[in-house]
Amino acid sequence: MAVSDFSVSTIEGLVEESLWPLWQEERDRMLRLDRWYQNRLLSGTDLPKLKKGTDEYRALQRIAATPWAKLIVHSVTDTLHLQGIMDGDGQLDEELWRVWEVNGMDGKQSAVWEGAGALGRSYVTAVPGVDELTGERIPKLVVSSATRTLTFYEDPANDDWPLYAMVGQPARAEDGTAFWRMKVYDAERVWTVDVQDGKAKYVEFAEHGAGVVPVVQLAPNIDLEGRTVGEVEPYIGMIARLNQTTLDRLIVQRFGAWVVRWATGLVVPEGAENDPEAAAALKMRLGIEDILVSPGKDTRFGTLDPTPMDPYVTVAEWQARELAVLSQSTPSQFVGQVENLSADAIAALNAPHRGKVSRFKNRLGEQVERLFRLIGVYQDRTVDYSAQVLWKDTESRSLSQLADALTKLVQGLQIPPDQFWPAVAQALGRPMQDVEAWRKAAEQPDELEKLFGELAN
């Protein structure tokens, strides 16, 4: 449908007949995945099964649910932090990066990566905007999750930009009636449409001027079929098994891990022979610290062994290891300290996780570069395809190790020292703006000496 064909009836029909049903279907699927990610599981569908429905058993069922899915996601997304966008000459593109910072993306990016990792995709929309504090015209970046956003592609595996995108926001009318306020984007316009009980009502439209649908999908696991599977869906079955094992262990721990003492032939106290309540009270008074005695010659005492806990603990550890291996996570995060292994063995053990992190950075980096090219359109400039995002180095290493390695590279391979300044800034936890300050200071020897003097003091 071309923009020239726009009319109230066409946009309402497009939403009612096509976009809304698909959006609802996908939202239901995403909400299920989000339940597993947030560990807010429902009884009867998600939580482990129970044979008994007492309150005590149901309490154990609730606490058996463990946030394994969040651990899988955070094991990779905690290593992701974007530090800058470098132009083709390796310099920080301050104009582009300023848009990122003005929109608070330094703080929002963690939630964006977590959403992309958990649900398979998250979204950033870029539209013309105005800074509320200064009145400056600057592109506005709006983040949204896969539970409220859906993009529609002709070829999802190869197309950079969707044909349409629809983002929903729950709202209420003045009379308290709930409805959805939808933003529908095409290559030239953004339409606002309210949907209530499946009926769409056009509200307004505005032109964004991007020339493409200004919604960037961030999907680290997209495949050649255009499928965007996250880090939760493939492992729901394994997490459910772990939760069931935890519930079984809790039931044994609560009801079967005690030495049961028994006695037969106990003498009922004098005067209580015909009082059932007194006899029952006698049985209930026995505590774990009490000593059993009886004057009756036919009394017998004994104990029942507790159910051993070791098999349940062992099974849980093996299931956790299996989940760590298949999800390419760091095993130590799932089963605790890894002992009696050499440094090389630990590095080999963590190699799959490093490969997974590298895959996330490569794919998300390319998609974020697409976002910066879109920002360039609003700035009336062309962002070169050679521009590269810069990820923060979150790998654990000492500053002395880094200094030794960089010194050898500079002296042995004759690589200019300033090429490693971004790596030094990362290691020191400094922003990329410091690199530009170092370059300017290096061009002015007096300023460089002054800088060294300040650092020495």
Protein backbone atom coordinates (compact mmCIF):
# COMPACT_ATOMS: atom_id res chain seq x y z
CA MET A 1 0.00 0.00 0.00
CA ALA A 2 1.62 3.27 -1.07
CA VAL A 3 1.46 6.44 0.97
CA SER A 4 -0.35 8.14 -1.90
CA ASP A 5 -3.18 5.66 -1.30
CA PHE A 6 -3.59 6.86 2.27
CA SER A 7 -7.07 7.41 3.64
CA VAL A 8 -8.79 6.92 6.97
CA SER A 9 -10.55 3.79 5.75
CA THR A 10 -7.39 2.21 4.35
CA ILE A 11 -5.33 2.62 7.53
CA GLU A 12 -8.20 1.40 9.71
CA GLY A 13 -8.73 -1.59 7.43
CA LEU A 14 -4.99 -2.38 7.34
CA VAL A 15 -4.82 -2.42 11.14
CA GLU A 16 -8.07 -4.34 11.76
CA GLU A 17 -7.65 -6.99 9.08
CA SER A 18 -3.89 -7.55 8.95
CA LEU A 19 -1.62 -5.86 11.48
CA TRP A 20 -3.68 -6.17 14.67
CA PRO A 21 -4.34 -9.96 14.50
CA LEU A 22 -0.67 -10.68 13.77
CA TRP A 23 0.44 -8.27 16.50
CA GLN A 24 -1.88 -9.92 19.06
CA GLU A 25 -0.73 -13.42 18.15
CA GLU A 26 2.92 -12.51 18.47
CA ARG A 27 2.31 -10.58 21.69
CA ASP A 28 0.77 -13.67 23.33
CA ARG A 29 3.86 -15.69 22.40
CA MET A 30 6.22 -13.00 23.67
CA LEU A 31 4.32 -12.66 26.96
CA ARG A 32 4.77 -16.40 27.58
CA LEU A 33 8.52 -16.11 27.00
CA ASP A 34 8.64 -13.03 29.21
CA ARG A 35 6.99 -15.00 32.05
CA TRP A 36 9.78 -17.55 31.90
CA TYR A 37 12.42 -14.82 31.68
CA GLN A 38 11.01 -12.91 34.66
CA ASN A 39 10.35 -16.18 36.56
CA ARG A 40 6.68 -15.25 37.02
CA LEU A 41 5.37 -18.70 36.22
CA LEU A 42 1.70 -19.67 36.30
CA SER A 43 0.32 -22.57 38.28
CA GLY A 44 -1.21 -25.22 36.06
CA THR A 45 0.78 -24.34 32.95
CA ASP A 46 4.34 -23.35 33.90
CA LEU A 47 5.04 -24.46 37.48
CA PRO A 48 6.00 -28.06 38.36
CA LYS A 49 3.12 -30.48 38.82
CA LEU A 50 1.80 -31.49 42.24
CA LYS A 51 0.08 -34.68 43.38
CA LYS A 52 -1.31 -32.98 46.48
CA GLY A 53 -2.98 -29.59 46.50
CA THR A 54 -2.49 -28.52 50.11
CA ASP A 55 -1.35 -25.00 50.95
CA GLU A 56 2.01 -26.29 52.13
CA TYR A 57 2.66 -28.13 48.89
CA ARG A 58 1.59 -25.12 46.83
CA ALA A 59 4.01 -22.92 48.80
CA LEU A 60 6.84 -25.31 47.92
CA GLN A 61 5.70 -25.27 44.30
CA ARG A 62 5.99 -21.47 44.17
CA ILE A 63 9.48 -21.29 45.66
CA ALA A 64 10.73 -24.12 43.43
CA ALA A 65 10.67 -21.80 40.41
CA THR A 66 14.25 -20.58 39.89
CA PRO A 67 15.28 -17.75 37.52
CA TRP A 68 17.52 -19.86 35.29
CA ALA A 69 16.36 -18.03 32.15
CA LYS A 70 17.51 -14.67 33.50
CA LEU A 71 20.91 -16.17 34.33
CA ILE A 72 21.30 -17.43 30.75
CA VAL A 73 20.43 -14.03 29.31
CA HIS A 74 22.50 -11.94 31.72
CA SER A 75 25.56 -14.15 31.26
CA VAL A 76 25.91 -12.62 27.80
CA THR A 77 24.13 -9.24 27.98
CA ASP A 78 26.16 -8.15 31.02
CA THR A 79 29.20 -8.16 28.72
CA LEU A 80 27.57 -5.72 26.26
CA HIS A 81 28.07 -1.99 26.59
CA LEU A 82 28.34 0.34 23.62
CA GLN A 83 31.01 3.01 24.07
CA GLY A 84 31.02 4.91 20.82
CA ILE A 85 30.60 5.06 17.04
CA MET A 86 33.87 5.45 15.15
CA ASP A 87 34.02 6.93 11.65
CA GLY A 88 36.02 5.48 8.76
CA ASP A 89 39.21 7.13 10.05
CA GLY A 90 38.87 5.54 13.47
CA GLN A 91 37.79 8.79 15.16
CA LEU A 92 34.80 9.13 17.46
CA ASP A 93 31.86 10.59 15.53
CA GLU A 94 30.86 13.08 18.21
CA GLU A 95 27.80 14.36 16.33
CA LEU A 96 26.24 10.89 16.08
CA TRP A 97 27.27 9.87 19.57
CA ARG A 98 25.74 13.00 21.05
CA VAL A 99 22.31 11.91 19.79
CA TRP A 100 22.82 8.60 21.58
CA GLU A 101 23.74 10.35 24.83
CA VAL A 102 21.06 13.05 24.68
CA ASN A 103 18.43 10.31 24.42
CA GLY A 104 19.80 8.58 27.53
CA MET A 105 20.81 5.48 25.61
CA ASP A 106 23.88 4.95 27.79
CA GLY A 107 21.46 3.91 30.52
CA LYS A 108 18.75 2.36 28.35
CA GLN A 109 21.03 0.14 26.30
CA SER A 110 21.28 -2.58 28.96
CA ALA A 111 17.50 -3.08 28.86
CA VAL A 112 17.62 -3.13 25.05
CA TRP A 113 20.26 -5.90 24.98
CA GLU A 114 18.41 -7.87 27.66
CA GLY A 115 15.15 -7.69 25.71
CA ALA A 116 16.89 -8.77 22.51
CA GLY A 117 18.57 -11.65 24.30
CA ALA A 118 15.50 -12.86 26.21
CA LEU A 119 12.74 -12.52 23.61
CA GLY A 120 14.86 -12.68 20.47
CA ARG A 121 14.50 -9.05 19.47
CA SER A 122 14.01 -5.52 20.73
CA TYR A 123 13.47 -2.26 18.87
CA VAL A 124 14.71 1.31 18.64
CA THR A 125 12.63 3.86 16.70
CA ALA A 126 14.21 7.10 15.48
CA VAL A 127 11.94 10.06 14.68
CA PRO A 128 12.41 13.84 14.51
CA GLY A 129 12.35 15.37 17.97
CA VAL A 130 13.06 18.38 20.13
CA ASP A 131 15.06 18.46 23.36
CA GLU A 132 12.54 19.33 26.09
CA LEU A 133 15.13 21.27 28.11
CA THR A 134 16.96 23.25 25.43
CA GLY A 135 14.48 23.29 22.54
CA GLU A 136 17.19 21.95 20.24
CA ARG A 137 15.98 19.93 17.27
CA ILE A 138 17.55 16.50 17.64
CA PRO A 139 16.44 12.98 16.61
CA LYS A 140 14.42 11.18 19.27
CA LEU A 141 15.21 7.52 20.01
CA VAL A 142 12.38 5.43 21.46
CA VAL A 143 13.05 1.91 22.74
CA SER A 144 10.35 -0.77 22.85
CA SER A 145 10.10 -4.46 23.60
CA ALA A 146 8.94 -7.36 21.47
CA THR A 147 5.81 -7.66 23.64
CA ARG A 148 4.53 -4.36 22.20
CA THR A 149 6.27 -4.09 18.83
CA LEU A 150 6.15 -6.01 15.59
CA THR A 151 7.81 -5.37 12.24
CA PHE A 152 6.60 -6.74 8.90
CA TYR A 153 9.19 -7.58 6.22
CA GLU A 154 9.00 -8.76 2.64
CA ASP A 155 12.22 -10.74 3.18
CA PRO A 156 13.07 -10.70 6.91
CA ALA A 157 16.45 -12.37 6.46
CA ASN A 158 17.78 -9.84 3.93
CA ASP A 159 15.81 -6.60 4.18
CA ASP A 160 17.38 -3.86 6.28
CA TRP A 161 14.10 -2.01 6.71
CA PRO A 162 10.57 -3.34 7.25
CA LEU A 163 7.52 -2.59 5.14
CA TYR A 164 5.52 -1.64 8.23
CA ALA A 165 6.06 -1.50 11.96
CA MET A 166 3.46 -1.28 14.70
CA VAL A 167 4.13 -0.26 18.30
CA GLY A 168 1.38 -0.45 20.93
CA GLN A 169 0.88 1.47 24.15
CA PRO A 170 -1.93 0.63 26.63
CA ALA A 171 -4.16 3.62 27.35
CA ARG A 172 -7.46 4.54 28.99
CA ALA A 173 -10.26 6.81 27.87
CA GLU A 174 -11.76 9.49 30.12
CA ASP A 175 -14.46 7.06 31.22
CA GLY A 176 -11.83 4.49 32.25
CA THR A 177 -12.27 2.24 29.22
CA ALA A 178 -9.04 0.45 28.26
CA PHE A 179 -7.75 0.48 24.69
CA TRP A 180 -4.50 0.24 22.75
CA ARG A 181 -2.93 3.29 21.11
CA MET A 182 -0.98 2.02 18.13
CA LYS A 183 1.74 3.79 16.17
CA VAL A 184 1.92 2.43 12.63
CA TYR A 185 5.02 3.35 10.61
CA ASP A 186 5.61 3.19 6.88
CA ALA A 187 8.39 4.72 4.79
CA GLU A 188 7.00 8.28 5.05
CA ARG A 189 4.44 8.55 7.82
CA VAL A 190 3.57 7.49 11.34
CA TRP A 191 -0.14 6.93 11.91
CA THR A 192 -1.79 6.92 15.31
CA VAL A 193 -4.68 4.47 15.54
CA ASP A 194 -6.70 3.48 18.61
CA VAL A 195 -7.84 -0.15 18.84
CA GLN A 196 -10.62 -1.29 21.14
CA ASP A 197 -12.34 -4.69 20.97
CA GLY A 198 -10.63 -5.33 17.63
CA LYS A 199 -12.00 -2.13 16.05
CA ALA A 200 -9.52 0.45 14.77
CA LYS A 201 -10.15 4.18 14.89
CA TYR A 202 -7.83 6.60 13.09
CA VAL A 203 -6.54 9.50 15.25
CA GLU A 204 -3.81 11.40 13.36
CA PHE A 205 -0.71 11.10 11.22
CA ALA A 206 2.64 12.84 10.91
CA GLU A 207 5.47 12.66 8.40
CA HIS A 208 8.84 11.52 9.71
CA GLY A 209 10.87 12.09 6.54
CA ALA A 210 13.25 9.16 6.91
CA GLY A 211 12.42 7.58 3.56
CA VAL A 212 12.32 4.16 5.26
CA VAL A 213 10.37 2.71 8.16
CA PRO A 214 12.38 4.26 11.04
CA VAL A 215 12.27 1.21 13.28
CA VAL A 216 15.46 -0.82 13.78
CA GLN A 217 15.10 -4.43 14.89
CA LEU A 218 17.88 -5.68 17.16
CA ALA A 219 17.96 -9.47 16.84
CA PRO A 220 21.21 -11.22 17.82
CA ASN A 221 20.08 -14.71 16.72
CA ILE A 222 18.30 -13.99 13.43
CA ASP A 223 18.75 -16.84 10.95
CA LEU A 224 18.40 -17.26 7.16
CA GLU A 225 14.66 -17.85 7.52
CA GLY A 226 14.25 -14.55 9.37
CA ARG A 227 13.47 -16.32 12.65
CA THR A 228 14.46 -14.39 15.77
CA VAL A 229 14.80 -16.94 18.55
CA GLY A 230 15.96 -15.63 21.91
CA GLU A 231 17.89 -17.18 24.77
CA VAL A 232 14.78 -18.34 26.67
CA GLU A 233 12.56 -20.26 24.27
CA PRO A 234 14.97 -23.12 23.39
CA TYR A 235 15.61 -23.93 27.06
CA ILE A 236 12.12 -23.80 28.59
CA GLY A 237 11.90 -27.59 28.72
CA MET A 238 15.26 -27.87 30.50
CA ILE A 239 14.35 -25.12 32.97
CA ALA A 240 11.03 -26.87 33.66
CA ARG A 241 12.95 -30.09 34.46
CA LEU A 242 15.23 -28.21 36.83
CA ASN A 243 12.24 -26.65 38.57
CA GLN A 244 10.64 -30.09 38.92
CA THR A 245 13.85 -31.48 40.43
CA THR A 246 13.97 -28.55 42.85
CA LEU A 247 10.36 -29.16 43.88
CA ASP A 248 11.05 -32.87 44.46
CA ARG A 249 14.04 -31.97 46.62
CA LEU A 250 12.03 -29.44 48.62
CA ILE A 251 9.28 -31.98 49.27
CA VAL A 252 11.80 -34.56 50.47
CA GLN A 253 13.59 -31.92 52.54
CA ARG A 254 10.35 -30.79 54.13
CA PHE A 255 8.62 -34.13 54.72
CA GLY A 256 11.08 -36.97 54.30
CA ALA A 257 14.52 -35.81 55.46
CA TRP A 258 13.81 -36.44 59.14
CA VAL A 259 14.38 -39.49 61.33
CA VAL A 260 10.89 -40.70 62.15
CA ARG A 261 10.58 -42.20 65.65
CA TRP A 262 7.86 -44.71 66.30
CA ALA A 263 6.51 -46.45 69.37
CA THR A 264 3.90 -49.13 69.92
CA GLY A 265 2.22 -50.32 73.09
CA LEU A 266 2.42 -46.97 74.90
CA VAL A 267 0.46 -46.84 78.16
CA VAL A 268 -2.33 -44.27 78.21
CA PRO A 269 -2.14 -42.07 81.35
CA GLU A 270 -4.51 -43.01 84.16
CA GLY A 271 -7.90 -41.39 83.73
CA ALA A 272 -7.49 -40.82 79.97
CA GLU A 273 -8.45 -44.29 78.80
CA ASN A 274 -11.87 -43.20 77.56
CA ASP A 275 -10.88 -39.71 76.41
CA PRO A 276 -9.91 -39.73 72.70
CA GLU A 277 -8.91 -36.07 72.81
CA ALA A 278 -6.48 -36.70 75.67
CA ALA A 279 -4.94 -39.61 73.80
CA ALA A 280 -4.54 -37.51 70.65
CA ALA A 281 -2.98 -34.68 72.69
CA LEU A 282 -0.47 -37.17 74.12
CA LYS A 283 0.68 -38.10 70.64
CA MET A 284 0.96 -34.47 69.51
CA ARG A 285 3.08 -33.43 72.53
CA LEU A 286 6.08 -35.42 71.33
CA GLY A 287 8.86 -33.08 70.14
CA ILE A 288 12.15 -33.72 68.35
CA GLU A 289 14.09 -33.16 71.61
CA ASP A 290 11.88 -35.40 73.76
CA ILE A 291 12.93 -38.78 75.19
CA LEU A 292 10.47 -41.65 74.91
CA VAL A 293 9.83 -43.75 78.01
CA SER A 294 7.06 -46.12 78.89
CA PRO A 295 6.30 -48.37 81.90
CA GLY A 296 4.54 -50.87 79.65
CA LYS A 297 6.37 -54.16 79.13
CA ASP A 298 4.94 -54.50 75.59
CA THR A 299 6.16 -51.09 74.40
CA ARG A 300 8.46 -51.12 71.39
CA PHE A 301 10.54 -48.21 70.07
CA GLY A 302 12.24 -47.66 66.71
CA THR A 303 13.15 -45.22 63.94
CA LEU A 304 12.57 -44.87 60.20
CA ASP A 305 15.57 -43.67 58.20
CA PRO A 306 15.26 -40.30 56.44
CA THR A 307 15.16 -40.12 52.63
CA PRO A 308 18.71 -39.32 51.42
CA MET A 309 19.11 -35.89 49.80
CA ASP A 310 22.30 -36.62 47.85
CA PRO A 311 20.61 -38.08 44.73
CA TYR A 312 18.40 -35.03 44.32
CA VAL A 313 21.36 -32.64 44.69
CA THR A 314 23.43 -34.65 42.21
CA VAL A 315 20.66 -34.70 39.61
CA ALA A 316 20.17 -30.94 39.94
CA GLU A 317 23.91 -30.32 39.44
CA TRP A 318 24.00 -32.46 36.31
CA GLN A 319 20.93 -30.74 34.90
CA ALA A 320 22.48 -27.31 35.60
CA ARG A 321 25.69 -28.36 33.85
CA GLU A 322 23.69 -29.60 30.88
CA LEU A 323 21.84 -26.28 30.68
CA ALA A 324 25.12 -24.34 30.88
CA VAL A 325 26.69 -26.36 28.08
CA LEU A 326 23.74 -26.19 25.69
CA SER A 327 23.14 -22.47 26.30
CA GLN A 328 26.87 -21.67 25.85
CA SER A 329 27.04 -20.09 29.28
CA THR A 330 29.90 -20.04 31.76
CA PRO A 331 29.63 -23.29 33.80
CA SER A 332 30.86 -21.63 36.99
CA GLN A 333 27.79 -19.38 36.98
CA PHE A 334 25.50 -22.41 37.10
CA VAL A 335 27.28 -24.86 39.40
CA GLY A 336 29.56 -22.63 41.47
CA GLN A 337 33.34 -22.57 41.70
CA VAL A 338 35.31 -24.55 39.12
CA GLU A 339 38.20 -26.11 41.06
CA ASN A 340 41.40 -27.98 40.24
CA LEU A 341 41.57 -26.70 36.66
CA SER A 342 44.51 -24.99 34.99
CA ALA A 343 44.20 -21.57 33.40
CA ASP A 344 44.24 -23.16 29.93
CA ALA A 345 41.50 -25.61 30.91
CA ILE A 346 39.31 -22.80 32.28
CA ALA A 347 39.88 -20.80 29.09
CA ALA A 348 38.82 -23.80 27.00
CA LEU A 349 35.78 -24.29 29.25
CA ASN A 350 34.70 -20.67 28.70
CA ALA A 351 35.48 -20.60 24.95
CA PRO A 352 31.86 -21.34 23.86
CA HIS A 353 30.62 -18.44 25.99
CA ARG A 354 33.18 -16.08 24.46
CA GLY A 355 32.06 -17.22 21.02
CA LYS A 356 28.46 -16.46 21.93
CA VAL A 357 29.40 -12.98 23.17
CA SER A 358 31.30 -12.37 19.92
CA ARG A 359 28.23 -13.40 17.90
CA PHE A 360 26.03 -11.00 19.85
CA LYS A 361 28.47 -8.13 19.36
CA ASN A 362 28.85 -8.77 15.62
CA ARG A 363 25.13 -8.96 14.88
CA LEU A 364 23.92 -6.29 17.27
CA GLY A 365 26.80 -4.03 16.21
CA GLU A 366 25.77 -4.19 12.56
CA GLN A 367 22.15 -3.47 13.47
CA VAL A 368 23.09 -0.51 15.68
CA GLU A 369 25.24 0.89 12.85
CA ARG A 370 22.05 0.83 10.77
CA LEU A 371 20.43 2.95 13.50
CA PHE A 372 23.26 5.49 13.32
CA ARG A 373 22.88 5.69 9.53
CA LEU A 374 19.20 6.46 10.12
CA ILE A 375 20.16 9.18 12.60
CA GLY A 376 22.43 10.62 9.90
CA VAL A 377 19.41 11.05 7.61
CA TYR A 378 17.79 13.33 10.18
CA GLN A 379 21.05 15.27 10.42
CA ASP A 380 21.14 15.76 6.63
CA ARG A 381 24.38 13.81 6.32
CA THR A 382 25.52 10.46 5.02
CA VAL A 383 27.08 8.10 7.54
CA ASP A 384 29.71 6.00 5.81
CA TYR A 385 29.23 2.25 5.83
CA SER A 386 32.77 1.89 7.15
CA ALA A 387 31.70 3.42 10.49
CA GLN A 388 32.02 0.91 13.31
CA VAL A 389 30.53 0.79 16.79
CA LEU A 390 32.94 0.33 19.68
CA TRP A 391 32.06 -2.15 22.42
CA LYS A 392 33.48 -1.86 25.91
CA ASP A 393 36.02 -4.54 26.73
CA THR A 394 34.49 -6.30 29.75
CA GLU A 395 36.92 -9.22 29.85
CA SER A 396 38.76 -9.48 33.16
CA ARG A 397 42.44 -8.57 32.86
CA SER A 398 44.83 -6.42 34.85
CA LEU A 399 46.08 -3.04 33.66
CA SER A 400 49.67 -4.29 33.82
CA GLN A 401 48.82 -7.16 31.44
CA LEU A 402 47.27 -4.70 28.99
CA ALA A 403 50.21 -2.29 29.24
CA ASP A 404 52.70 -5.10 28.62
CA ALA A 405 50.76 -6.38 25.59
CA LEU A 406 50.33 -2.92 24.03
CA THR A 407 54.01 -2.06 24.56
CA LYS A 408 55.08 -5.22 22.76
CA LEU A 409 52.70 -4.49 19.86
CA VAL A 410 53.94 -0.92 19.49
CA GLN A 411 57.64 -1.81 19.72
CA GLY A 412 57.55 -5.13 17.89
CA LEU A 413 55.13 -4.37 15.06
CA GLN A 414 55.71 -0.61 14.84
CA ILE A 415 52.01 0.12 15.19
CA PRO A 416 51.38 3.81 16.03
CA PRO A 417 50.60 4.13 19.76
CA ASP A 418 47.52 6.29 19.20
CA GLN A 419 45.81 3.33 17.50
CA PHE A 420 45.59 1.66 20.91
CA TRP A 421 44.28 4.65 22.82
CA PRO A 422 40.63 3.47 22.56
CA ALA A 423 41.68 0.16 24.17
CA VAL A 424 43.44 2.08 26.96
CA ALA A 425 40.34 4.22 27.53
CA GLN A 426 38.24 1.05 27.81
CA ALA A 427 40.63 -0.50 30.32
CA LEU A 428 40.57 2.67 32.43
CA GLY A 429 36.80 2.92 32.21
CA ARG A 430 37.06 6.30 30.50
CA PRO A 431 34.63 7.65 27.85
CA MET A 432 35.72 7.81 24.22
CA GLN A 433 35.76 11.62 24.44
CA ASP A 434 38.99 11.24 26.41
CA VAL A 435 40.63 9.70 23.35
CA GLU A 436 39.86 12.83 21.35
CA ALA A 437 41.30 14.95 24.17
CA TRP A 438 44.47 12.84 24.12
CA ARG A 439 44.80 13.29 20.35
CA LYS A 440 44.43 17.05 20.61
CA ALA A 441 46.94 17.17 23.45
CA ALA A 442 49.41 15.08 21.43
CA GLU A 443 49.19 17.60 18.59
CA GLN A 444 50.25 20.32 21.06
CA PRO A 445 53.38 19.20 22.97
CA ASP A 446 53.00 21.89 25.60
CA GLU A 447 49.49 20.72 26.38
CA LEU A 448 50.71 17.12 26.53
CA GLU A 449 53.39 18.01 29.08
CA LYS A 450 50.78 19.89 31.09
CA LEU A 451 48.50 16.82 30.98
CA PHE A 452 51.30 14.52 32.16
CA GLY A 453 52.05 16.98 34.96
CA GLU A 454 48.43 16.92 36.10
CA LEU A 455 48.36 13.15 36.03
CA ALA A 456 51.58 12.97 38.05
CA ASN A 457 50.15 15.24 40.73
